[in-house]
Amino acid sequence: MLPSSSRMRRGEEFNSAVRKGGRSGRPTLVAHLGMRAPDRRAAEPPLVGFVVSRAVGGAVVRNRVKRRLRHLMRDRLGRLPRGSLLVVRANPPAASARSERLAAELDAALDRLLRRRESSTTRLEG
């Protein structure tokens, strides 16, 4: 599973990632990537949070979707820059999606967010 030190727990972190970060939507999920304040960015590991609403299903289904997403993020945690805040919100189709589809859509969303972030930091530096 995802290490405890990498789990997002505070509401301010969720809000910061969703409101100030980039967004990439897929049919089964939406990913939001934000950054912590510049003074804390380099020292802090990336944090990942999950949002699975009742629209996805009952409690058992929601918890299963969260467990599957946490498992998928464990292998992808190294791709995130230090100090980043990632929120993964599951859409209703995530409940019936196969793990391969969830993994492919998570990869696509992360690729898009990281490319955007890389191009924006390159423009700022250049």
Protein backbone atom coordinates (compact mmCIF):
# COMPACT_ATOMS: atom_id res chain seq x y z
CA MET A 1 0.00 0.00 0.00
CA LEU A 2 0.87 3.68 -0.13
CA PRO A 3 3.25 4.62 2.73
CA SER A 4 1.58 6.45 5.60
CA SER A 5 4.03 9.35 5.25
CA SER A 6 2.78 9.94 1.70
CA ARG A 7 -0.94 10.14 2.49
CA MET A 8 -2.66 13.50 2.44
CA ARG A 9 -4.83 14.05 5.50
CA ARG A 10 -5.37 17.80 5.99
CA GLY A 11 -8.20 19.64 4.31
CA GLU A 12 -5.97 22.62 3.48
CA GLU A 13 -3.71 20.35 1.42
CA PHE A 14 -6.68 18.94 -0.51
CA ASN A 15 -8.00 22.46 -1.14
CA SER A 16 -4.61 23.74 -2.23
CA ALA A 17 -4.14 20.94 -4.76
CA VAL A 18 -7.66 21.22 -6.18
CA ARG A 19 -7.94 25.01 -6.29
CA LYS A 20 -4.40 26.09 -7.17
CA GLY A 21 -3.05 23.05 -9.03
CA GLY A 22 -3.38 21.67 -12.51
CA ARG A 23 -6.20 19.32 -13.46
CA SER A 24 -6.39 16.36 -15.79
CA GLY A 25 -9.66 14.53 -16.32
CA ARG A 26 -10.22 11.00 -17.57
CA PRO A 27 -13.47 8.96 -17.71
CA THR A 28 -12.78 7.06 -14.48
CA LEU A 29 -10.83 9.68 -12.51
CA VAL A 30 -9.69 13.28 -12.25
CA ALA A 31 -6.22 14.17 -10.95
CA HIS A 32 -5.21 17.52 -9.45
CA LEU A 33 -1.51 18.33 -8.98
CA GLY A 34 -0.45 21.26 -6.81
CA MET A 35 2.69 22.31 -4.98
CA ARG A 36 3.37 23.26 -1.38
CA ALA A 37 4.74 26.65 -0.44
CA PRO A 38 8.23 27.23 -1.94
CA ASP A 39 9.95 27.28 1.48
CA ARG A 40 8.70 23.75 2.33
CA ARG A 41 8.79 22.26 -1.17
CA ALA A 42 12.27 20.71 -1.32
CA ALA A 43 12.18 19.08 2.10
CA GLU A 44 8.76 17.47 1.94
CA PRO A 45 7.89 14.19 0.19
CA PRO A 46 4.93 14.22 -2.22
CA LEU A 47 1.51 13.68 -0.66
CA VAL A 48 -1.39 11.86 -2.30
CA GLY A 49 -5.05 12.11 -1.33
CA PHE A 50 -8.14 10.37 -2.65
CA VAL A 51 -11.73 11.56 -3.01
CA VAL A 52 -14.40 8.94 -3.67
CA SER A 53 -17.95 10.27 -3.36
CA ARG A 54 -21.22 8.44 -2.84
CA ALA A 55 -21.89 8.77 -6.56
CA VAL A 56 -19.31 5.99 -7.05
CA GLY A 57 -21.28 3.55 -4.91
CA GLY A 58 -21.94 2.36 -1.40
CA ALA A 59 -19.34 2.25 1.37
CA VAL A 60 -17.95 -1.13 0.33
CA VAL A 61 -17.52 -0.04 -3.29
CA ARG A 62 -15.99 3.32 -2.31
CA ASN A 63 -13.47 1.67 -0.01
CA ARG A 64 -12.55 -0.88 -2.69
CA VAL A 65 -11.95 1.92 -5.22
CA LYS A 66 -9.77 3.81 -2.70
CA ARG A 67 -7.72 0.67 -1.94
CA ARG A 68 -7.20 0.03 -5.66
CA LEU A 69 -6.12 3.63 -6.30
CA ARG A 70 -3.74 3.61 -3.30
CA HIS A 71 -2.19 0.40 -4.59
CA LEU A 72 -1.71 1.89 -8.06
CA MET A 73 -0.21 5.12 -6.67
CA ARG A 74 2.36 3.23 -4.61
CA ASP A 75 4.32 2.34 -7.77
CA ARG A 76 3.91 5.83 -9.25
CA LEU A 77 4.90 7.86 -6.20
CA GLY A 78 8.50 8.20 -7.40
CA ARG A 79 7.32 10.12 -10.49
CA LEU A 80 5.99 12.99 -8.40
CA PRO A 81 8.28 15.93 -7.61
CA ARG A 82 9.18 16.66 -4.00
CA GLY A 83 6.72 18.99 -2.32
CA SER A 84 3.87 18.08 -4.64
CA LEU A 85 0.25 17.53 -3.61
CA LEU A 86 -1.77 15.09 -5.73
CA VAL A 87 -5.51 14.56 -5.31
CA VAL A 88 -7.13 11.71 -7.24
CA ARG A 89 -10.92 11.95 -7.46
CA ALA A 90 -12.75 8.84 -8.63
CA ASN A 91 -15.66 9.18 -11.05
CA PRO A 92 -18.60 6.71 -10.98
CA PRO A 93 -17.17 4.50 -13.79
CA ALA A 94 -14.19 3.72 -11.51
CA ALA A 95 -16.38 1.32 -9.53
CA SER A 96 -16.68 -1.12 -12.42
CA ALA A 97 -13.39 -0.41 -14.19
CA ARG A 98 -10.76 -3.12 -14.40
CA SER A 99 -7.45 -2.44 -12.68
CA GLU A 100 -5.67 -2.21 -16.03
CA ARG A 101 -7.99 0.58 -17.16
CA LEU A 102 -7.61 2.47 -13.87
CA ALA A 103 -3.83 2.14 -14.14
CA ALA A 104 -3.79 3.36 -17.76
CA GLU A 105 -6.00 6.35 -17.00
CA LEU A 106 -4.00 7.23 -13.89
CA ASP A 107 -0.80 7.10 -15.96
CA ALA A 108 -2.34 9.28 -18.67
CA ALA A 109 -3.52 11.86 -16.14
CA LEU A 110 -0.14 11.93 -14.36
CA ASP A 111 1.76 12.20 -17.65
CA ARG A 112 -0.34 15.15 -18.71
CA LEU A 113 -0.01 16.96 -15.36
CA LEU A 114 3.75 16.38 -15.14
CA ARG A 115 4.29 17.53 -18.76
CA ARG A 116 2.34 20.71 -18.07
CA ARG A 117 4.26 21.37 -14.88
CA GLU A 118 7.59 20.73 -16.61
CA SER A 119 6.76 23.10 -19.47
CA SER A 120 5.61 25.85 -17.09
CA THR A 121 8.77 25.61 -14.96
CA THR A 122 10.90 25.63 -18.11
CA ARG A 123 9.16 28.82 -19.29
CA LEU A 124 9.69 30.44 -15.87
CA GLU A 125 13.39 29.58 -15.80
CA GLY A 126 14.07 30.42 -19.47
